[in-house]
Amino acid sequence: MKKIAIAMALAGSTLLMADGAALYAKCAGCHGQNGEKPALGKSAVITGQDAAKTVEQLNGYKAGTLNQKGMGGVMKGQVASMDDAQIKEVADYIATLK
């Protein structure tokens, strides 16, 4: 029973990672495949950024309360359709980038 629970937990985290990767696909155009680019030459490199920080920033952009380096409008449009779970998934994925 314990082995089944562990296997299910690992499968669940793999599925979440896959969802995070799929969600990140629309970010890659500006931030790079591995978060290695300063988006539009303005943002910080996000490779491996702490997930909690990413969640905080994405929620700020979504709410319209964050406008780092004039990117508030662009980022608000990018995250507008994401729910809390999706924001968490993409943040967790970004934290794994190297």
PDB file of N, CA and C in Angstrom:
ATOM      1  N   MET A   1       0.828  -1.188   0.000  1.00  0.00           N
ATOM      2  CA  MET A   1       0.000   0.000   0.000  1.00  0.00           C
ATOM      3  C   MET A   1       0.874   1.254   0.000  1.00  0.00           C
ATOM      4  N   LYS A   2       1.951   1.205   0.792  1.00  0.00           N
ATOM      5  CA  LYS A   2       2.849   2.346   0.882  1.00  0.00           C
ATOM      6  C   LYS A   2       3.492   2.630  -0.475  1.00  0.00           C
ATOM      7  N   LYS A   3       3.876   1.558  -1.204  1.00  0.00           N
ATOM      8  CA  LYS A   3       4.494   1.714  -2.519  1.00  0.00           C
ATOM      9  C   LYS A   3       3.520   2.355  -3.502  1.00  0.00           C
ATOM     10  N   ILE A   4       2.259   1.993  -3.419  1.00  0.00           N
ATOM     11  CA  ILE A   4       1.241   2.568  -4.307  1.00  0.00           C
ATOM     12  C   ILE A   4       1.091   4.062  -4.022  1.00  0.00           C
ATOM     13  N   ALA A   5       1.056   4.425  -2.764  1.00  0.00           N
ATOM     14  CA  ALA A   5       0.913   5.840  -2.402  1.00  0.00           C
ATOM     15  C   ALA A   5       2.109   6.655  -2.898  1.00  0.00           C
ATOM     16  N   ILE A   6       3.295   6.106  -2.764  1.00  0.00           N
ATOM     17  CA  ILE A   6       4.499   6.801  -3.234  1.00  0.00           C
ATOM     18  C   ILE A   6       4.466   6.931  -4.751  1.00  0.00           C
ATOM     19  N   ALA A   7       4.093   5.874  -5.433  1.00  0.00           N
ATOM     20  CA  ALA A   7       4.013   5.908  -6.898  1.00  0.00           C
ATOM     21  C   ALA A   7       2.992   6.940  -7.360  1.00  0.00           C
ATOM     22  N   MET A   8       1.848   7.008  -6.681  1.00  0.00           N
ATOM     23  CA  MET A   8       0.822   7.987  -7.043  1.00  0.00           C
ATOM     24  C   MET A   8       1.320   9.402  -6.802  1.00  0.00           C
ATOM     25  N   ALA A   9       2.030   9.623  -5.722  1.00  0.00           N
ATOM     26  CA  ALA A   9       2.564  10.953  -5.428  1.00  0.00           C
ATOM     27  C   ALA A   9       3.580  11.364  -6.487  1.00  0.00           C
ATOM     28  N   LEU A  10       4.443  10.443  -6.877  1.00  0.00           N
ATOM     29  CA  LEU A  10       5.430  10.747  -7.923  1.00  0.00           C
ATOM     30  C   LEU A  10       4.750  11.014  -9.255  1.00  0.00           C
ATOM     31  N   ALA A  11       3.755  10.241  -9.593  1.00  0.00           N
ATOM     32  CA  ALA A  11       3.027  10.450 -10.845  1.00  0.00           C
ATOM     33  C   ALA A  11       2.320  11.796 -10.825  1.00  0.00           C
ATOM     34  N   GLY A  12       1.752  12.149  -9.690  1.00  0.00           N
ATOM     35  CA  GLY A  12       1.079  13.440  -9.565  1.00  0.00           C
ATOM     36  C   GLY A  12       2.031  14.605  -9.743  1.00  0.00           C
ATOM     37  N   SER A  13       3.214  14.511  -9.150  1.00  0.00           N
ATOM     38  CA  SER A  13       4.169  15.600  -9.292  1.00  0.00           C
ATOM     39  C   SER A  13       4.690  15.680 -10.718  1.00  0.00           C
ATOM     40  N   THR A  14       4.806  14.537 -11.397  1.00  0.00           N
ATOM     41  CA  THR A  14       5.221  14.538 -12.799  1.00  0.00           C
ATOM     42  C   THR A  14       4.150  15.186 -13.666  1.00  0.00           C
ATOM     43  N   LEU A  15       2.889  14.897 -13.388  1.00  0.00           N
ATOM     44  CA  LEU A  15       1.799  15.523 -14.142  1.00  0.00           C
ATOM     45  C   LEU A  15       1.776  17.022 -13.915  1.00  0.00           C
ATOM     46  N   LEU A  16       1.960  17.456 -12.673  1.00  0.00           N
ATOM     47  CA  LEU A  16       1.997  18.886 -12.409  1.00  0.00           C
ATOM     48  C   LEU A  16       3.154  19.541 -13.145  1.00  0.00           C
ATOM     49  N   MET A  17       4.310  18.890 -13.173  1.00  0.00           N
ATOM     50  CA  MET A  17       5.467  19.432 -13.867  1.00  0.00           C
ATOM     51  C   MET A  17       5.146  19.562 -15.346  1.00  0.00           C
ATOM     52  N   ALA A  18       4.447  18.563 -15.915  1.00  0.00           N
ATOM     53  CA  ALA A  18       4.082  18.607 -17.323  1.00  0.00           C
ATOM     54  C   ALA A  18       3.131  19.771 -17.578  1.00  0.00           C
ATOM     55  N   ASP A  19       2.173  19.978 -16.671  1.00  0.00           N
ATOM     56  CA  ASP A  19       1.250  21.099 -16.817  1.00  0.00           C
ATOM     57  C   ASP A  19       1.999  22.423 -16.710  1.00  0.00           C
ATOM     58  N   GLY A  20       2.935  22.510 -15.781  1.00  0.00           N
ATOM     59  CA  GLY A  20       3.739  23.719 -15.633  1.00  0.00           C
ATOM     60  C   GLY A  20       4.554  23.993 -16.876  1.00  0.00           C
ATOM     61  N   ALA A  21       5.116  22.945 -17.455  1.00  0.00           N
ATOM     62  CA  ALA A  21       5.898  23.095 -18.687  1.00  0.00           C
ATOM     63  C   ALA A  21       5.002  23.558 -19.829  1.00  0.00           C
ATOM     64  N   ALA A  22       3.811  22.999 -19.927  1.00  0.00           N
ATOM     65  CA  ALA A  22       2.878  23.408 -20.977  1.00  0.00           C
ATOM     66  C   ALA A  22       2.467  24.865 -20.791  1.00  0.00           C
ATOM     67  N   LEU A  23       2.211  25.253 -19.562  1.00  0.00           N
ATOM     68  CA  LEU A  23       1.845  26.641 -19.285  1.00  0.00           C
ATOM     69  C   LEU A  23       3.002  27.586 -19.582  1.00  0.00           C
ATOM     70  N   TYR A  24       4.220  27.139 -19.292  1.00  0.00           N
ATOM     71  CA  TYR A  24       5.405  27.974 -19.510  1.00  0.00           C
ATOM     72  C   TYR A  24       5.668  28.222 -20.997  1.00  0.00           C
ATOM     73  N   ALA A  25       5.131  27.388 -21.872  1.00  0.00           N
ATOM     74  CA  ALA A  25       5.381  27.517 -23.312  1.00  0.00           C
ATOM     75  C   ALA A  25       5.084  28.931 -23.809  1.00  0.00           C
ATOM     76  N   LYS A  26       4.034  29.568 -23.282  1.00  0.00           N
ATOM     77  CA  LYS A  26       3.729  30.919 -23.751  1.00  0.00           C
ATOM     78  C   LYS A  26       4.659  31.971 -23.138  1.00  0.00           C
ATOM     79  N   CYS A  27       5.399  31.607 -22.129  1.00  0.00           N
ATOM     80  CA  CYS A  27       6.369  32.509 -21.503  1.00  0.00           C
ATOM     81  C   CYS A  27       7.709  32.477 -22.232  1.00  0.00           C
ATOM     82  N   ALA A  28       7.994  31.315 -22.837  1.00  0.00           N
ATOM     83  CA  ALA A  28       9.311  31.062 -23.425  1.00  0.00           C
ATOM     84  C   ALA A  28       9.661  32.025 -24.554  1.00  0.00           C
ATOM     85  N   GLY A  29       8.664  32.546 -25.258  1.00  0.00           N
ATOM     86  CA  GLY A  29       8.941  33.475 -26.349  1.00  0.00           C
ATOM     87  C   GLY A  29       9.709  34.696 -25.892  1.00  0.00           C
ATOM     88  N   CYS A  30       9.432  35.171 -24.703  1.00  0.00           N
ATOM     89  CA  CYS A  30      10.120  36.350 -24.164  1.00  0.00           C
ATOM     90  C   CYS A  30      11.219  35.983 -23.166  1.00  0.00           C
ATOM     91  N   HIS A  31      10.952  34.992 -22.315  1.00  0.00           N
ATOM     92  CA  HIS A  31      11.888  34.640 -21.237  1.00  0.00           C
ATOM     93  C   HIS A  31      12.919  33.583 -21.637  1.00  0.00           C
ATOM     94  N   GLY A  32      12.725  32.931 -22.807  1.00  0.00           N
ATOM     95  CA  GLY A  32      13.633  31.868 -23.238  1.00  0.00           C
ATOM     96  C   GLY A  32      13.166  30.514 -22.746  1.00  0.00           C
ATOM     97  N   GLN A  33      13.612  29.457 -23.425  1.00  0.00           N
ATOM     98  CA  GLN A  33      13.205  28.097 -23.090  1.00  0.00           C
ATOM     99  C   GLN A  33      13.503  27.729 -21.643  1.00  0.00           C
ATOM    100  N   ASN A  34      14.551  28.275 -21.085  1.00  0.00           N
ATOM    101  CA  ASN A  34      14.949  27.948 -19.714  1.00  0.00           C
ATOM    102  C   ASN A  34      14.936  29.165 -18.805  1.00  0.00           C
ATOM    103  N   GLY A  35      14.188  30.190 -19.193  1.00  0.00           N
ATOM    104  CA  GLY A  35      14.101  31.397 -18.371  1.00  0.00           C
ATOM    105  C   GLY A  35      15.381  32.209 -18.358  1.00  0.00           C
ATOM    106  N   GLU A  36      16.243  31.976 -19.362  1.00  0.00           N
ATOM    107  CA  GLU A  36      17.585  32.551 -19.363  1.00  0.00           C
ATOM    108  C   GLU A  36      17.674  33.955 -19.946  1.00  0.00           C
ATOM    109  N   LYS A  37      16.594  34.465 -20.520  1.00  0.00           N
ATOM    110  CA  LYS A  37      16.620  35.773 -21.170  1.00  0.00           C
ATOM    111  C   LYS A  37      15.922  36.834 -20.320  1.00  0.00           C
ATOM    112  N   PRO A  38      16.444  38.041 -20.333  1.00  0.00           N
ATOM    113  CA  PRO A  38      15.662  39.136 -19.763  1.00  0.00           C
ATOM    114  C   PRO A  38      14.553  39.475 -20.768  1.00  0.00           C
ATOM    115  N   ALA A  39      13.315  39.245 -20.410  1.00  0.00           N
ATOM    116  CA  ALA A  39      12.194  39.422 -21.334  1.00  0.00           C
ATOM    117  C   ALA A  39      12.174  40.838 -21.899  1.00  0.00           C
ATOM    118  N   LEU A  40      12.119  40.910 -23.218  1.00  0.00           N
ATOM    119  CA  LEU A  40      12.133  42.181 -23.951  1.00  0.00           C
ATOM    120  C   LEU A  40      13.287  43.075 -23.519  1.00  0.00           C
ATOM    121  N   GLY A  41      14.360  42.442 -23.037  1.00  0.00           N
ATOM    122  CA  GLY A  41      15.545  43.179 -22.606  1.00  0.00           C
ATOM    123  C   GLY A  41      15.349  43.956 -21.318  1.00  0.00           C
ATOM    124  N   LYS A  42      14.249  43.693 -20.603  1.00  0.00           N
ATOM    125  CA  LYS A  42      13.924  44.492 -19.416  1.00  0.00           C
ATOM    126  C   LYS A  42      13.894  43.713 -18.111  1.00  0.00           C
ATOM    127  N   SER A  43      13.352  42.508 -18.138  1.00  0.00           N
ATOM    128  CA  SER A  43      13.115  41.784 -16.883  1.00  0.00           C
ATOM    129  C   SER A  43      14.384  41.125 -16.369  1.00  0.00           C
ATOM    130  N   ALA A  44      14.297  40.669 -15.153  1.00  0.00           N
ATOM    131  CA  ALA A  44      15.365  39.840 -14.594  1.00  0.00           C
ATOM    132  C   ALA A  44      15.286  38.464 -15.234  1.00  0.00           C
ATOM    133  N   VAL A  45      16.384  37.752 -15.250  1.00  0.00           N
ATOM    134  CA  VAL A  45      16.400  36.356 -15.687  1.00  0.00           C
ATOM    135  C   VAL A  45      15.655  35.553 -14.621  1.00  0.00           C
ATOM    136  N   ILE A  46      14.737  34.690 -15.043  1.00  0.00           N
ATOM    137  CA  ILE A  46      13.894  33.976 -14.072  1.00  0.00           C
ATOM    138  C   ILE A  46      14.312  32.528 -13.851  1.00  0.00           C
ATOM    139  N   THR A  47      15.377  32.071 -14.490  1.00  0.00           N
ATOM    140  CA  THR A  47      15.851  30.696 -14.323  1.00  0.00           C
ATOM    141  C   THR A  47      15.975  30.349 -12.843  1.00  0.00           C
ATOM    142  N   GLY A  48      15.252  29.325 -12.404  1.00  0.00           N
ATOM    143  CA  GLY A  48      15.353  28.844 -11.029  1.00  0.00           C
ATOM    144  C   GLY A  48      14.812  29.776  -9.964  1.00  0.00           C
ATOM    145  N   GLN A  49      14.069  30.786 -10.355  1.00  0.00           N
ATOM    146  CA  GLN A  49      13.518  31.735  -9.374  1.00  0.00           C
ATOM    147  C   GLN A  49      12.621  31.002  -8.374  1.00  0.00           C
ATOM    148  N   ASP A  50      12.682  31.404  -7.132  1.00  0.00           N
ATOM    149  CA  ASP A  50      11.871  30.826  -6.069  1.00  0.00           C
ATOM    150  C   ASP A  50      10.392  30.849  -6.454  1.00  0.00           C
ATOM    151  N   ALA A  51       9.714  29.712  -6.296  1.00  0.00           N
ATOM    152  CA  ALA A  51       8.311  29.594  -6.699  1.00  0.00           C
ATOM    153  C   ALA A  51       7.416  30.588  -5.971  1.00  0.00           C
ATOM    154  N   ALA A  52       7.644  30.797  -4.690  1.00  0.00           N
ATOM    155  CA  ALA A  52       6.801  31.734  -3.929  1.00  0.00           C
ATOM    156  C   ALA A  52       6.940  33.150  -4.478  1.00  0.00           C
ATOM    157  N   LYS A  53       8.141  33.532  -4.860  1.00  0.00           N
ATOM    158  CA  LYS A  53       8.367  34.863  -5.441  1.00  0.00           C
ATOM    159  C   LYS A  53       7.641  34.981  -6.784  1.00  0.00           C
ATOM    160  N   THR A  54       7.716  33.925  -7.585  1.00  0.00           N
ATOM    161  CA  THR A  54       7.040  33.947  -8.884  1.00  0.00           C
ATOM    162  C   THR A  54       5.534  34.044  -8.705  1.00  0.00           C
ATOM    163  N   VAL A  55       4.978  33.275  -7.779  1.00  0.00           N
ATOM    164  CA  VAL A  55       3.533  33.342  -7.508  1.00  0.00           C
ATOM    165  C   VAL A  55       3.149  34.759  -7.103  1.00  0.00           C
ATOM    166  N   GLU A  56       3.917  35.348  -6.202  1.00  0.00           N
ATOM    167  CA  GLU A  56       3.638  36.714  -5.746  1.00  0.00           C
ATOM    168  C   GLU A  56       3.665  37.701  -6.915  1.00  0.00           C
ATOM    169  N   GLN A  57       4.679  37.587  -7.765  1.00  0.00           N
ATOM    170  CA  GLN A  57       4.788  38.500  -8.897  1.00  0.00           C
ATOM    171  C   GLN A  57       3.663  38.288  -9.905  1.00  0.00           C
ATOM    172  N   LEU A  58       3.384  37.039 -10.253  1.00  0.00           N
ATOM    173  CA  LEU A  58       2.331  36.781 -11.225  1.00  0.00           C
ATOM    174  C   LEU A  58       0.973  37.236 -10.712  1.00  0.00           C
ATOM    175  N   ASN A  59       0.710  37.042  -9.426  1.00  0.00           N
ATOM    176  CA  ASN A  59      -0.549  37.540  -8.856  1.00  0.00           C
ATOM    177  C   ASN A  59      -0.604  39.061  -8.880  1.00  0.00           C
ATOM    178  N   GLY A  60       0.532  39.708  -8.650  1.00  0.00           N
ATOM    179  CA  GLY A  60       0.583  41.168  -8.732  1.00  0.00           C
ATOM    180  C   GLY A  60       0.315  41.666 -10.142  1.00  0.00           C
ATOM    181  N   TYR A  61       0.912  41.012 -11.121  1.00  0.00           N
ATOM    182  CA  TYR A  61       0.648  41.381 -12.511  1.00  0.00           C
ATOM    183  C   TYR A  61      -0.823  41.153 -12.853  1.00  0.00           C
ATOM    184  N   LYS A  62      -1.361  40.019 -12.431  1.00  0.00           N
ATOM    185  CA  LYS A  62      -2.758  39.689 -12.738  1.00  0.00           C
ATOM    186  C   LYS A  62      -3.707  40.720 -12.127  1.00  0.00           C
ATOM    187  N   ALA A  63      -3.409  41.151 -10.915  1.00  0.00           N
ATOM    188  CA  ALA A  63      -4.261  42.138 -10.229  1.00  0.00           C
ATOM    189  C   ALA A  63      -4.044  43.553 -10.753  1.00  0.00           C
ATOM    190  N   GLY A  64      -2.976  43.748 -11.510  1.00  0.00           N
ATOM    191  CA  GLY A  64      -2.668  45.085 -12.008  1.00  0.00           C
ATOM    192  C   GLY A  64      -1.958  45.958 -10.996  1.00  0.00           C
ATOM    193  N   THR A  65      -1.423  45.351  -9.942  1.00  0.00           N
ATOM    194  CA  THR A  65      -0.746  46.113  -8.884  1.00  0.00           C
ATOM    195  C   THR A  65       0.767  46.088  -9.008  1.00  0.00           C
ATOM    196  N   LEU A  66       1.288  45.345  -9.991  1.00  0.00           N
ATOM    197  CA  LEU A  66       2.730  45.251 -10.187  1.00  0.00           C
ATOM    198  C   LEU A  66       3.061  45.706 -11.601  1.00  0.00           C
ATOM    199  N   ASN A  67       4.049  46.578 -11.715  1.00  0.00           N
ATOM    200  CA  ASN A  67       4.454  47.098 -13.021  1.00  0.00           C
ATOM    201  C   ASN A  67       5.968  47.247 -13.055  1.00  0.00           C
ATOM    202  N   GLN A  68       6.674  46.134 -12.822  1.00  0.00           N
ATOM    203  CA  GLN A  68       8.134  46.193 -12.815  1.00  0.00           C
ATOM    204  C   GLN A  68       8.655  46.527 -14.202  1.00  0.00           C
ATOM    205  N   LYS A  69       9.489  47.540 -14.250  1.00  0.00           N
ATOM    206  CA  LYS A  69      10.157  47.971 -15.483  1.00  0.00           C
ATOM    207  C   LYS A  69       9.186  48.189 -16.630  1.00  0.00           C
ATOM    208  N   GLY A  70       7.975  48.656 -16.315  1.00  0.00           N
ATOM    209  CA  GLY A  70       6.978  48.960 -17.330  1.00  0.00           C
ATOM    210  C   GLY A  70       6.339  47.744 -17.983  1.00  0.00           C
ATOM    211  N   MET A  71       6.504  46.592 -17.393  1.00  0.00           N
ATOM    212  CA  MET A  71       6.003  45.356 -17.994  1.00  0.00           C
ATOM    213  C   MET A  71       4.628  44.935 -17.466  1.00  0.00           C
ATOM    214  N   GLY A  72       4.011  45.765 -16.642  1.00  0.00           N
ATOM    215  CA  GLY A  72       2.733  45.405 -16.027  1.00  0.00           C
ATOM    216  C   GLY A  72       1.641  45.067 -17.024  1.00  0.00           C
ATOM    217  N   GLY A  73       1.475  45.883 -18.041  1.00  0.00           N
ATOM    218  CA  GLY A  73       0.420  45.652 -19.030  1.00  0.00           C
ATOM    219  C   GLY A  73       0.626  44.375 -19.819  1.00  0.00           C
ATOM    220  N   VAL A  74       1.853  44.158 -20.270  1.00  0.00           N
ATOM    221  CA  VAL A  74       2.172  42.949 -21.038  1.00  0.00           C
ATOM    222  C   VAL A  74       1.944  41.713 -20.174  1.00  0.00           C
ATOM    223  N   MET A  75       2.467  41.748 -18.954  1.00  0.00           N
ATOM    224  CA  MET A  75       2.357  40.582 -18.083  1.00  0.00           C
ATOM    225  C   MET A  75       0.921  40.347 -17.618  1.00  0.00           C
ATOM    226  N   LYS A  76       0.165  41.415 -17.413  1.00  0.00           N
ATOM    227  CA  LYS A  76      -1.235  41.241 -17.017  1.00  0.00           C
ATOM    228  C   LYS A  76      -1.982  40.455 -18.096  1.00  0.00           C
ATOM    229  N   GLY A  77      -1.719  40.790 -19.342  1.00  0.00           N
ATOM    230  CA  GLY A  77      -2.337  40.060 -20.440  1.00  0.00           C
ATOM    231  C   GLY A  77      -1.914  38.605 -20.485  1.00  0.00           C
ATOM    232  N   GLN A  78      -0.677  38.323 -20.124  1.00  0.00           N
ATOM    233  CA  GLN A  78      -0.172  36.955 -20.157  1.00  0.00           C
ATOM    234  C   GLN A  78      -0.781  36.083 -19.065  1.00  0.00           C
ATOM    235  N   VAL A  79      -1.042  36.650 -17.909  1.00  0.00           N
ATOM    236  CA  VAL A  79      -1.539  35.839 -16.790  1.00  0.00           C
ATOM    237  C   VAL A  79      -3.034  35.988 -16.529  1.00  0.00           C
ATOM    238  N   ALA A  80      -3.708  36.844 -17.270  1.00  0.00           N
ATOM    239  CA  ALA A  80      -5.124  37.126 -17.027  1.00  0.00           C
ATOM    240  C   ALA A  80      -5.991  35.871 -17.011  1.00  0.00           C
ATOM    241  N   SER A  81      -5.702  34.921 -17.879  1.00  0.00           N
ATOM    242  CA  SER A  81      -6.546  33.724 -17.973  1.00  0.00           C
ATOM    243  C   SER A  81      -6.105  32.598 -17.049  1.00  0.00           C
ATOM    244  N   MET A  82      -5.025  32.804 -16.314  1.00  0.00           N
ATOM    245  CA  MET A  82      -4.516  31.741 -15.433  1.00  0.00           C
ATOM    246  C   MET A  82      -5.214  31.787 -14.072  1.00  0.00           C
ATOM    247  N   ASP A  83      -5.616  30.616 -13.579  1.00  0.00           N
ATOM    248  CA  ASP A  83      -6.183  30.562 -12.230  1.00  0.00           C
ATOM    249  C   ASP A  83      -5.057  30.331 -11.224  1.00  0.00           C
ATOM    250  N   ASP A  84      -5.401  30.310  -9.946  1.00  0.00           N
ATOM    251  CA  ASP A  84      -4.387  30.166  -8.895  1.00  0.00           C
ATOM    252  C   ASP A  84      -3.576  28.881  -9.040  1.00  0.00           C
ATOM    253  N   ALA A  85      -4.226  27.790  -9.392  1.00  0.00           N
ATOM    254  CA  ALA A  85      -3.527  26.508  -9.539  1.00  0.00           C
ATOM    255  C   ALA A  85      -2.533  26.564 -10.699  1.00  0.00           C
ATOM    256  N   GLN A  86      -2.934  27.187 -11.795  1.00  0.00           N
ATOM    257  CA  GLN A  86      -2.037  27.301 -12.948  1.00  0.00           C
ATOM    258  C   GLN A  86      -0.848  28.204 -12.637  1.00  0.00           C
ATOM    259  N   ILE A  87      -1.087  29.283 -11.917  1.00  0.00           N
ATOM    260  CA  ILE A  87       0.008  30.161 -11.511  1.00  0.00           C
ATOM    261  C   ILE A  87       0.999  29.390 -10.650  1.00  0.00           C
ATOM    262  N   LYS A  88       0.504  28.596  -9.734  1.00  0.00           N
ATOM    263  CA  LYS A  88       1.371  27.780  -8.881  1.00  0.00           C
ATOM    264  C   LYS A  88       2.145  26.756  -9.710  1.00  0.00           C
ATOM    265  N   GLU A  89       1.476  26.118 -10.659  1.00  0.00           N
ATOM    266  CA  GLU A  89       2.133  25.112 -11.498  1.00  0.00           C
ATOM    267  C   GLU A  89       3.273  25.720 -12.315  1.00  0.00           C
ATOM    268  N   VAL A  90       3.028  26.868 -12.940  1.00  0.00           N
ATOM    269  CA  VAL A  90       4.078  27.478 -13.750  1.00  0.00           C
ATOM    270  C   VAL A  90       5.207  27.998 -12.852  1.00  0.00           C
ATOM    271  N   ALA A  91       4.867  28.492 -11.682  1.00  0.00           N
ATOM    272  CA  ALA A  91       5.892  28.962 -10.735  1.00  0.00           C
ATOM    273  C   ALA A  91       6.765  27.803 -10.273  1.00  0.00           C
ATOM    274  N   ASP A  92       6.142  26.684  -9.973  1.00  0.00           N
ATOM    275  CA  ASP A  92       6.911  25.497  -9.569  1.00  0.00           C
ATOM    276  C   ASP A  92       7.817  25.033 -10.704  1.00  0.00           C
ATOM    277  N   TYR A  93       7.325  25.110 -11.934  1.00  0.00           N
ATOM    278  CA  TYR A  93       8.138  24.710 -13.078  1.00  0.00           C
ATOM    279  C   TYR A  93       9.330  25.650 -13.252  1.00  0.00           C
ATOM    280  N   ILE A  94       9.107  26.936 -13.170  1.00  0.00           N
ATOM    281  CA  ILE A  94      10.192  27.925 -13.312  1.00  0.00           C
ATOM    282  C   ILE A  94      11.269  27.663 -12.277  1.00  0.00           C
ATOM    283  N   ALA A  95      10.872  27.292 -11.073  1.00  0.00           N
ATOM    284  CA  ALA A  95      11.840  27.026 -10.006  1.00  0.00           C
ATOM    285  C   ALA A  95      12.769  25.865 -10.349  1.00  0.00           C
ATOM    286  N   THR A  96      12.339  24.978 -11.245  1.00  0.00           N
ATOM    287  CA  THR A  96      13.176  23.827 -11.618  1.00  0.00           C
ATOM    288  C   THR A  96      14.122  24.127 -12.777  1.00  0.00           C
ATOM    289  N   LEU A  97      13.936  25.244 -13.441  1.00  0.00           N
ATOM    290  CA  LEU A  97      14.743  25.547 -14.627  1.00  0.00           C
ATOM    291  C   LEU A  97      16.202  25.795 -14.249  1.00  0.00           C
ATOM    292  N   LYS A  98      17.084  25.340 -15.129  1.00  0.00           N
ATOM    293  CA  LYS A  98      18.526  25.518 -14.895  1.00  0.00           C
ATOM    294  C   LYS A  98      19.174  26.049 -16.149  1.00  0.00           C
TER     295      LYS A  98
END
